Amino acid sequence: MKALIPTLVSAWILAAVPATAFEVIRLDDGTVLRGEVVARTDSTVEIESENMGRVKVKKRHIVSSPVKDSDLIPGRKAAQLDPDPIGHTLLLMPTAFTPPKGSMVFRDFELLFLTLGYSPTNTTSIVAGALFPISPEFNAITVGIKQGVYQQANGAVALAGNITVPVGREINDAGFLWLLNAVASYRFADQVGVHIAAGGIGAQGRGENVQGFSMGLGTDIRLGPHVKLLAEVLHGGTTFDPGSSGTLLNAGIRIHGDRLSADIGGMRPLEDTGDLWFIPLVTVGYRF
C-alpha cells in the first residue's frame, strides 16, 4: 500500500538528516516506504517502515529518496521526485517525465474522454483512450506512447506520439490523425517545472494528406504539498483538421494526493472568440 508523500524536502536538508531520521523511499516498482532508516551498507538500506515493518532493500531498486545520489549504484539515474501521481502531464500537454515502472494511470477528461496508461519500464509509457460511448454516430479511439531518451532527477527529454482514429456510422470515410512531439522538461528546486514540446501533426488516409506544426510551452508551479498551478499554450493538435488548428491557452489548479489527482481549469482559444471567456476543463486522474 503506497503511503502519501506530504512534502518535498530540499536537498540541503536531506544531506543533514542522520541515519535514524524519518525518510521516504520510492522503489522502482512504485512501492513507497516511510519510516526510520536503521542501517545502511554499500548495497542495502534497512528501514523501519510505517506500513511494512522492518524492510531491507537493495540500493539498485531505489529510484528516489533522501539517500544521496552518490550512495546509489553507479550509473543508476534518480527518478523525478515530484509526488504528483499525474506529474507526467499538465492539463493537456505531456511533460518529458514518465510514471514509475509497473504503474497504471487512469484519466477522465470532462466525463467524456477516458484514457488508461501503463508503464512497462521507468522510461516508457503506453496509453489508450476513447470517448465515452454516448452515440454510435461518432467516437474517437487514441493509442499513444511516450519514450524517455534522457532522464535525471530534475530534467528529462522524451518522444511522445499518438494516433487518433475517428469512428462511427457517420464518419466511416475518415482517415486518422497523428501527432509526434519531442518534449523537454526541467524542474527548478522541485518547485517550478518548465516544459517545451515541438513536432508535427497530420491527417492521413482515405484521401487526406495534411500536415502541420505542433508546439507547446507549459509550466507547473507548486503552491503547497498537494497543490499545483498549471498553465500551457498549445498550437496544433487542437482539432481534427491540422490545417486549421488554432492556439489554446489553458490554465488551472491541480489538487492531488499520492494516487488521486483532480484538475480544475479552463481553455481559451487565442483566435477571435467573440464573447467567449473560456471553456471549462475538469480532469480526474488515478495512478494504480
Protein backbone atom coordinates (compact mmCIF):
# COMPACT_ATOMS: atom_id res chain seq x y z
CA MET A 1 0.00 0.00 0.00
CA LYS A 2 1.56 3.22 -1.12
CA ALA A 3 1.73 5.92 1.53
CA LEU A 4 1.06 9.58 0.98
CA ILE A 5 4.13 11.76 0.43
CA PRO A 6 3.13 15.04 2.12
CA THR A 7 6.05 17.28 1.19
CA LEU A 8 9.19 17.60 -0.93
CA VAL A 9 12.27 18.21 1.20
CA SER A 10 15.12 20.23 -0.23
CA ALA A 11 18.45 18.55 -0.90
CA TRP A 12 20.47 20.54 1.63
CA ILE A 13 18.12 19.44 4.43
CA LEU A 14 18.29 15.81 3.30
CA ALA A 15 22.05 15.81 3.36
CA ALA A 16 21.98 16.84 7.02
CA VAL A 17 19.48 14.20 8.21
CA PRO A 18 21.11 11.49 10.36
CA ALA A 19 20.76 7.79 9.57
CA THR A 20 17.97 7.27 12.13
CA ALA A 21 15.76 10.12 10.82
CA PHE A 22 12.36 9.78 9.18
CA GLU A 23 12.69 9.24 5.43
CA VAL A 24 10.62 8.43 2.34
CA ILE A 25 11.97 5.89 -0.16
CA ARG A 26 10.38 5.05 -3.51
CA LEU A 27 11.32 1.79 -5.25
CA ASP A 28 11.42 1.10 -8.98
CA ASP A 29 8.21 -0.98 -8.77
CA GLY A 30 6.31 2.03 -7.38
CA THR A 31 6.42 0.94 -3.70
CA VAL A 32 6.78 3.79 -1.19
CA LEU A 33 8.38 3.17 2.22
CA ARG A 34 8.13 5.72 5.05
CA GLY A 35 9.97 5.37 8.33
CA GLU A 36 13.37 5.44 10.02
CA VAL A 37 16.49 4.19 8.29
CA VAL A 38 18.17 1.96 10.89
CA ALA A 39 21.11 0.62 8.87
CA ARG A 40 22.98 1.18 5.62
CA THR A 41 25.62 -0.75 3.74
CA ASP A 42 27.26 -0.21 0.37
CA SER A 43 24.46 -2.13 -1.34
CA THR A 44 21.40 -2.09 1.00
CA VAL A 45 19.23 0.21 3.11
CA GLU A 46 17.24 -1.13 6.08
CA ILE A 47 14.18 0.89 7.10
CA GLU A 48 11.69 0.51 9.95
CA SER A 49 8.65 1.40 7.83
CA GLU A 50 5.19 2.51 8.90
CA ASN A 51 3.36 0.15 6.59
CA MET A 52 5.56 -2.98 6.25
CA GLY A 53 7.66 -3.18 9.42
CA ARG A 54 11.42 -3.58 9.11
CA VAL A 55 12.42 -3.94 5.45
CA LYS A 56 15.83 -4.32 3.82
CA VAL A 57 16.02 -3.13 0.21
CA LYS A 58 18.82 -3.14 -2.32
CA LYS A 59 20.01 0.30 -3.36
CA ARG A 60 19.77 -0.59 -7.04
CA HIS A 61 15.97 -0.72 -6.63
CA ILE A 62 15.75 2.77 -5.07
CA VAL A 63 14.71 5.41 -7.58
CA SER A 64 14.07 8.38 -5.26
CA SER A 65 14.63 9.05 -1.59
CA PRO A 66 16.73 11.15 0.78
CA VAL A 67 19.58 8.73 0.09
CA LYS A 68 22.18 10.81 -1.76
CA ASP A 69 22.79 10.10 -5.45
CA SER A 70 26.38 9.21 -4.54
CA ASP A 71 25.04 6.38 -2.35
CA LEU A 72 23.28 4.71 -5.28
CA ILE A 73 24.77 2.12 -7.59
CA PRO A 74 27.00 3.91 -10.16
CA GLY A 75 25.11 4.65 -13.37
CA ARG A 76 21.70 4.47 -11.73
CA LYS A 77 19.70 7.58 -12.63
CA ALA A 78 17.47 9.07 -9.96
CA ALA A 79 13.80 9.46 -10.89
CA GLN A 80 11.83 12.66 -10.66
CA LEU A 81 10.99 13.45 -7.02
CA ASP A 82 7.65 15.14 -7.76
CA PRO A 83 5.00 13.36 -5.62
CA ASP A 84 2.21 14.28 -8.08
CA PRO A 85 0.78 10.95 -9.34
CA ILE A 86 -0.09 12.60 -12.68
CA GLY A 87 3.14 14.62 -12.88
CA HIS A 88 3.90 13.19 -16.32
CA THR A 89 1.34 15.59 -17.82
CA LEU A 90 -0.05 19.10 -17.42
CA LEU A 91 -3.68 19.88 -18.28
CA LEU A 92 -3.39 18.59 -21.86
CA MET A 93 0.31 18.86 -22.67
CA PRO A 94 2.64 15.94 -21.81
CA THR A 95 5.82 16.51 -19.84
CA ALA A 96 9.01 14.55 -20.54
CA PHE A 97 8.67 12.57 -17.28
CA THR A 98 7.06 9.12 -17.14
CA PRO A 99 5.27 7.22 -14.34
CA PRO A 100 7.27 4.56 -12.43
CA LYS A 101 7.65 1.06 -13.85
CA GLY A 102 4.50 -1.03 -13.40
CA SER A 103 2.18 1.96 -12.93
CA MET A 104 -1.29 2.10 -14.43
CA VAL A 105 -2.77 5.59 -14.83
CA PHE A 106 -6.43 6.37 -15.49
CA ARG A 107 -7.53 9.84 -16.64
CA ASP A 108 -11.02 11.17 -17.27
CA PHE A 109 -11.49 14.41 -19.25
CA GLU A 110 -14.85 16.17 -18.69
CA LEU A 111 -16.53 12.79 -18.08
CA LEU A 112 -16.25 12.44 -21.84
CA PHE A 113 -12.80 11.18 -22.88
CA LEU A 114 -11.30 8.26 -20.92
CA THR A 115 -7.67 7.06 -21.08
CA LEU A 116 -5.72 4.25 -19.45
CA GLY A 117 -1.92 4.09 -19.47
CA TYR A 118 0.67 1.52 -18.44
CA SER A 119 4.43 1.86 -17.87
CA PRO A 120 6.33 -1.35 -18.72
CA THR A 121 9.60 0.41 -17.76
CA ASN A 122 10.61 3.57 -15.90
CA THR A 123 11.06 5.39 -19.22
CA THR A 124 8.21 4.00 -21.35
CA SER A 125 4.51 4.78 -21.07
CA ILE A 126 1.75 3.38 -23.29
CA VAL A 127 -1.77 4.85 -23.33
CA ALA A 128 -5.10 4.13 -24.99
CA GLY A 129 -8.29 6.14 -24.84
CA ALA A 130 -11.76 6.65 -26.28
CA LEU A 131 -14.77 8.88 -25.97
CA PHE A 132 -17.46 7.76 -23.57
CA PRO A 133 -19.86 5.80 -25.83
CA ILE A 134 -22.73 8.29 -25.89
CA SER A 135 -23.74 7.86 -29.53
CA PRO A 136 -22.96 5.38 -32.34
CA GLU A 137 -22.66 8.34 -34.71
CA PHE A 138 -19.21 9.43 -33.54
CA ASN A 139 -16.34 8.27 -31.38
CA ALA A 140 -12.57 8.61 -31.37
CA ILE A 141 -10.02 5.98 -30.36
CA THR A 142 -6.49 7.03 -29.42
CA VAL A 143 -3.33 4.96 -28.94
CA GLY A 144 -0.09 6.63 -27.87
CA ILE A 145 3.38 6.08 -26.47
CA LYS A 146 5.94 8.20 -24.63
CA GLN A 147 9.56 7.06 -24.66
CA GLY A 148 12.13 8.76 -22.45
CA VAL A 149 15.51 9.25 -24.08
CA TYR A 150 17.15 11.10 -21.17
CA GLN A 151 16.08 11.31 -17.54
CA GLN A 152 17.68 12.70 -14.40
CA ALA A 153 16.24 13.85 -11.09
CA ASN A 154 15.19 17.27 -12.37
CA GLY A 155 15.43 17.05 -16.16
CA ALA A 156 14.17 14.79 -18.92
CA VAL A 157 13.76 14.50 -22.69
CA ALA A 158 11.20 12.22 -24.33
CA LEU A 159 9.42 11.45 -27.57
CA ALA A 160 5.62 11.39 -27.37
CA GLY A 161 3.27 10.37 -30.14
CA ASN A 162 -0.25 9.15 -30.71
CA ILE A 163 -2.70 8.15 -33.41
CA THR A 164 -6.39 9.06 -33.19
CA VAL A 165 -8.96 7.32 -35.35
CA PRO A 166 -12.50 8.75 -35.58
CA VAL A 167 -15.09 6.00 -35.83
CA GLY A 168 -18.88 5.90 -36.12
CA ARG A 169 -21.72 5.43 -38.54
CA GLU A 170 -21.44 8.92 -39.98
CA ILE A 171 -17.66 9.08 -40.49
CA ASN A 172 -16.63 5.75 -41.97
CA ASP A 173 -14.70 7.60 -44.70
CA ALA A 174 -12.47 9.48 -42.24
CA GLY A 175 -8.75 8.83 -42.04
CA PHE A 176 -6.63 9.13 -38.90
CA LEU A 177 -4.88 11.94 -37.05
CA TRP A 178 -1.25 11.54 -35.91
CA LEU A 179 0.79 13.65 -33.51
CA LEU A 180 4.52 13.36 -32.76
CA ASN A 181 6.43 15.66 -30.40
CA ALA A 182 9.83 15.91 -28.78
CA VAL A 183 9.33 17.07 -25.19
CA ALA A 184 11.89 18.55 -22.80
CA SER A 185 11.24 19.23 -19.10
CA TYR A 186 13.21 20.76 -16.25
CA ARG A 187 12.32 21.40 -12.61
CA PHE A 188 13.90 24.18 -10.58
CA ALA A 189 14.36 23.13 -6.91
CA ASP A 190 11.44 20.70 -7.32
CA GLN A 191 9.05 23.68 -7.15
CA VAL A 192 8.76 25.07 -10.69
CA GLY A 193 8.65 22.97 -13.83
CA VAL A 194 9.17 24.26 -17.38
CA HIS A 195 8.13 22.10 -20.34
CA ILE A 196 8.61 22.56 -24.09
CA ALA A 197 7.17 20.41 -26.89
CA ALA A 198 7.69 20.67 -30.63
CA GLY A 199 6.83 18.39 -33.51
CA GLY A 200 4.27 17.69 -36.17
CA ILE A 201 0.64 16.78 -36.68
CA GLY A 202 -1.08 15.29 -39.68
CA ALA A 203 -4.28 13.79 -41.04
CA GLN A 204 -3.72 10.80 -43.31
CA GLY A 205 -5.67 8.17 -45.14
CA ARG A 206 -8.75 7.91 -47.37
CA GLY A 207 -8.00 10.97 -49.42
CA GLU A 208 -6.50 13.04 -46.59
CA ASN A 209 -2.85 14.13 -46.63
CA VAL A 210 -2.40 17.26 -44.48
CA GLN A 211 0.48 18.13 -42.15
CA GLY A 212 1.18 20.97 -39.77
CA PHE A 213 3.34 22.05 -36.83
CA SER A 214 2.59 21.18 -33.22
CA MET A 215 4.12 23.26 -30.42
CA GLY A 216 3.59 23.63 -26.70
CA LEU A 217 5.01 25.62 -23.78
CA GLY A 218 3.90 24.92 -20.23
CA THR A 219 4.73 25.28 -16.57
CA ASP A 220 3.67 23.83 -13.23
CA ILE A 221 4.28 25.74 -10.00
CA ARG A 222 3.96 24.02 -6.64
CA LEU A 223 1.86 26.13 -4.28
CA GLY A 224 1.79 23.59 -1.45
CA PRO A 225 2.37 19.90 -0.66
CA HIS A 226 -0.76 18.88 -2.59
CA VAL A 227 -1.50 21.86 -4.86
CA LYS A 228 -0.06 22.98 -8.21
CA LEU A 229 -0.73 25.85 -10.57
CA LEU A 230 -0.74 24.67 -14.21
CA ALA A 231 -0.51 26.75 -17.39
CA GLU A 232 0.21 25.91 -21.04
CA VAL A 233 -0.01 27.32 -24.54
CA LEU A 234 -0.68 24.78 -27.32
CA HIS A 235 -0.64 25.24 -31.09
CA GLY A 236 -1.62 22.43 -33.44
CA GLY A 237 -3.36 19.23 -32.49
CA THR A 238 -6.42 21.14 -31.27
CA THR A 239 -8.82 19.96 -34.00
CA PHE A 240 -9.18 17.06 -36.43
CA ASP A 241 -8.05 19.43 -39.20
CA PRO A 242 -4.29 20.17 -38.85
CA GLY A 243 -4.53 22.92 -41.45
CA SER A 244 -6.95 24.91 -39.29
CA SER A 245 -5.62 24.09 -35.82
CA GLY A 246 -5.61 27.13 -33.59
CA THR A 247 -3.80 28.13 -30.42
CA LEU A 248 -5.13 27.36 -26.94
CA LEU A 249 -4.23 28.98 -23.63
CA ASN A 250 -5.02 26.63 -20.74
CA ALA A 251 -4.67 27.33 -17.02
CA GLY A 252 -5.86 25.67 -13.84
CA ILE A 253 -5.21 24.21 -10.40
CA ARG A 254 -4.26 20.60 -9.61
CA ILE A 255 -5.10 19.12 -6.21
CA HIS A 256 -3.57 15.71 -5.57
CA GLY A 257 -2.61 13.05 -3.08
CA ASP A 258 -0.29 10.10 -3.61
CA ARG A 259 -2.64 8.40 -6.11
CA LEU A 260 -5.62 10.63 -6.87
CA SER A 261 -5.43 13.92 -8.78
CA ALA A 262 -8.03 16.47 -9.91
CA ASP A 263 -7.54 19.40 -12.29
CA ILE A 264 -9.91 22.37 -12.43
CA GLY A 265 -9.20 24.91 -15.13
CA GLY A 266 -10.22 26.49 -18.38
CA MET A 267 -9.28 26.59 -22.08
CA ARG A 268 -9.31 29.79 -24.11
CA PRO A 269 -8.71 29.93 -27.89
CA LEU A 270 -6.42 32.83 -28.70
CA GLU A 271 -8.15 33.49 -32.02
CA ASP A 272 -11.27 35.66 -32.29
CA THR A 273 -13.74 34.14 -29.82
CA GLY A 274 -16.33 36.91 -29.55
CA ASP A 275 -17.80 36.91 -26.06
CA LEU A 276 -16.29 33.56 -25.09
CA TRP A 277 -14.10 33.89 -21.97
CA PHE A 278 -13.04 30.27 -21.58
CA ILE A 279 -14.19 26.66 -21.89
CA PRO A 280 -14.31 24.83 -18.52
CA LEU A 281 -11.83 21.98 -18.20
CA VAL A 282 -12.11 19.34 -15.47
CA THR A 283 -9.97 16.18 -15.36
CA VAL A 284 -9.52 13.45 -12.79
CA GLY A 285 -6.56 11.06 -12.67
CA TYR A 286 -5.71 7.99 -10.62
CA ARG A 287 -2.42 6.05 -10.56
CA PHE A 288 -2.65 2.40 -9.50
